């Protein structure tokens, strides 16, 4: 992981545990075939892509809430 991506994402998601969880979930999605929401280059790993998506505001916590989880929370 590139420190630049980590620092940029940490400015958006200040809770470190939440950031780790978001990156982990997004890496799983990307490795399962989801398309990146940002422009990528060959040197970027999946975690870098996830961090970049968060830093650019493409991903929020709402992105990861599934409809059945919303029903359970209510």
C-alpha atoms as a PDB file:
ATOM      1  CA  UNK A   1       0.000   0.000   0.000  1.00  0.00           C
ATOM      2  CA  UNK A   2       1.160   3.450  -0.873  1.00  0.00           C
ATOM      3  CA  UNK A   3       1.350   5.894   2.046  1.00  0.00           C
ATOM      4  CA  UNK A   4      -0.038   8.694  -0.135  1.00  0.00           C
ATOM      5  CA  UNK A   5      -3.297   6.767  -0.630  1.00  0.00           C
ATOM      6  CA  UNK A   6      -3.486   5.894   3.057  1.00  0.00           C
ATOM      7  CA  UNK A   7      -3.041   9.505   4.159  1.00  0.00           C
ATOM      8  CA  UNK A   8      -5.594  10.794   1.644  1.00  0.00           C
ATOM      9  CA  UNK A   9      -8.216   8.229   2.686  1.00  0.00           C
ATOM     10  CA  UNK A  10      -7.526   8.879   6.388  1.00  0.00           C
ATOM     11  CA  UNK A  11      -8.519  12.512   5.861  1.00  0.00           C
ATOM     12  CA  UNK A  12     -11.937  11.344   4.660  1.00  0.00           C
ATOM     13  CA  UNK A  13     -12.486   8.466   7.115  1.00  0.00           C
ATOM     14  CA  UNK A  14     -10.840   9.514  10.355  1.00  0.00           C
ATOM     15  CA  UNK A  15     -11.754   6.384  12.325  1.00  0.00           C
ATOM     16  CA  UNK A  16      -8.874   3.994  11.563  1.00  0.00           C
ATOM     17  CA  UNK A  17     -10.837   0.819  12.329  1.00  0.00           C
ATOM     18  CA  UNK A  18     -13.652   1.932  10.052  1.00  0.00           C
ATOM     19  CA  UNK A  19     -11.138   2.718   7.309  1.00  0.00           C
ATOM     20  CA  UNK A  20      -9.538  -0.714   7.629  1.00  0.00           C
ATOM     21  CA  UNK A  21     -12.954  -2.383   7.452  1.00  0.00           C
ATOM     22  CA  UNK A  22     -13.966  -0.389   4.383  1.00  0.00           C
ATOM     23  CA  UNK A  23     -10.721  -1.133   2.561  1.00  0.00           C
ATOM     24  CA  UNK A  24     -10.951  -4.824   3.446  1.00  0.00           C
ATOM     25  CA  UNK A  25     -14.511  -5.125   2.147  1.00  0.00           C
ATOM     26  CA  UNK A  26     -13.704  -3.218  -1.013  1.00  0.00           C
ATOM     27  CA  UNK A  27     -10.601  -5.319  -1.712  1.00  0.00           C
ATOM     28  CA  UNK A  28     -12.788  -8.430  -1.489  1.00  0.00           C
ATOM     29  CA  UNK A  29     -15.248  -6.864  -3.941  1.00  0.00           C
ATOM     30  CA  UNK A  30     -12.500  -5.877  -6.354  1.00  0.00           C
ATOM     31  CA  UNK A  31     -10.869  -9.300  -6.222  1.00  0.00           C
ATOM     32  CA  UNK A  32     -14.278 -10.861  -6.933  1.00  0.00           C
ATOM     33  CA  UNK A  33     -14.526  -8.832 -10.130  1.00  0.00           C
ATOM     34  CA  UNK A  34     -16.023  -5.447  -9.230  1.00  0.00           C
ATOM     35  CA  UNK A  35     -14.770  -2.638 -11.416  1.00  0.00           C
ATOM     36  CA  UNK A  36     -12.763   0.211  -9.890  1.00  0.00           C
ATOM     37  CA  UNK A  37     -14.613   3.492  -9.441  1.00  0.00           C
ATOM     38  CA  UNK A  38     -11.452   5.523 -10.119  1.00  0.00           C
ATOM     39  CA  UNK A  39      -8.792   5.566 -12.786  1.00  0.00           C
ATOM     40  CA  UNK A  40      -6.036   3.096 -12.001  1.00  0.00           C
ATOM     41  CA  UNK A  41      -2.537   2.373 -13.179  1.00  0.00           C
ATOM     42  CA  UNK A  42      -0.521  -0.821 -13.287  1.00  0.00           C
ATOM     43  CA  UNK A  43       1.406  -0.026 -10.111  1.00  0.00           C
ATOM     44  CA  UNK A  44      -1.751   0.143  -7.958  1.00  0.00           C
ATOM     45  CA  UNK A  45      -2.718  -2.839  -5.874  1.00  0.00           C
ATOM     46  CA  UNK A  46      -6.298  -3.561  -4.851  1.00  0.00           C
ATOM     47  CA  UNK A  47      -5.850  -1.833  -1.484  1.00  0.00           C
ATOM     48  CA  UNK A  48      -4.467   1.252  -3.244  1.00  0.00           C
ATOM     49  CA  UNK A  49      -7.509   1.309  -5.510  1.00  0.00           C
ATOM     50  CA  UNK A  50      -9.860   1.017  -2.521  1.00  0.00           C
ATOM     51  CA  UNK A  51      -8.029   3.776  -0.661  1.00  0.00           C
ATOM     52  CA  UNK A  52      -8.114   6.008  -3.729  1.00  0.00           C
ATOM     53  CA  UNK A  53     -11.859   5.429  -4.114  1.00  0.00           C
ATOM     54  CA  UNK A  54     -12.386   6.462  -0.492  1.00  0.00           C
ATOM     55  CA  UNK A  55     -10.122   9.511  -0.828  1.00  0.00           C
ATOM     56  CA  UNK A  56     -12.025  10.683  -3.921  1.00  0.00           C
ATOM     57  CA  UNK A  57     -15.371  10.284  -2.167  1.00  0.00           C
ATOM     58  CA  UNK A  58     -16.518   7.443  -4.411  1.00  0.00           C
ATOM     59  CA  UNK A  59     -17.053   5.143  -1.413  1.00  0.00           C
ATOM     60  CA  UNK A  60     -18.844   5.892   1.814  1.00  0.00           C
ATOM     61  CA  UNK A  61     -20.055   3.675   4.633  1.00  0.00           C
ATOM     62  CA  UNK A  62     -23.489   3.722   2.963  1.00  0.00           C
ATOM     63  CA  UNK A  63     -21.935   1.951  -0.034  1.00  0.00           C
ATOM     64  CA  UNK A  64     -21.424  -1.151   2.120  1.00  0.00           C
ATOM     65  CA  UNK A  65     -24.841  -1.304   3.812  1.00  0.00           C
ATOM     66  CA  UNK A  66     -26.946  -4.018   2.241  1.00  0.00           C
ATOM     67  CA  UNK A  67     -30.754  -3.758   2.234  1.00  0.00           C
ATOM     68  CA  UNK A  68     -31.124  -6.644   4.709  1.00  0.00           C
ATOM     69  CA  UNK A  69     -28.681  -4.908   7.096  1.00  0.00           C
ATOM     70  CA  UNK A  70     -30.821  -1.751   6.963  1.00  0.00           C
ATOM     71  CA  UNK A  71     -33.871  -3.762   7.985  1.00  0.00           C
ATOM     72  CA  UNK A  72     -32.024  -5.350  10.907  1.00  0.00           C
ATOM     73  CA  UNK A  73     -30.812  -1.969  12.152  1.00  0.00           C
ATOM     74  CA  UNK A  74     -34.346  -0.553  12.300  1.00  0.00           C
END
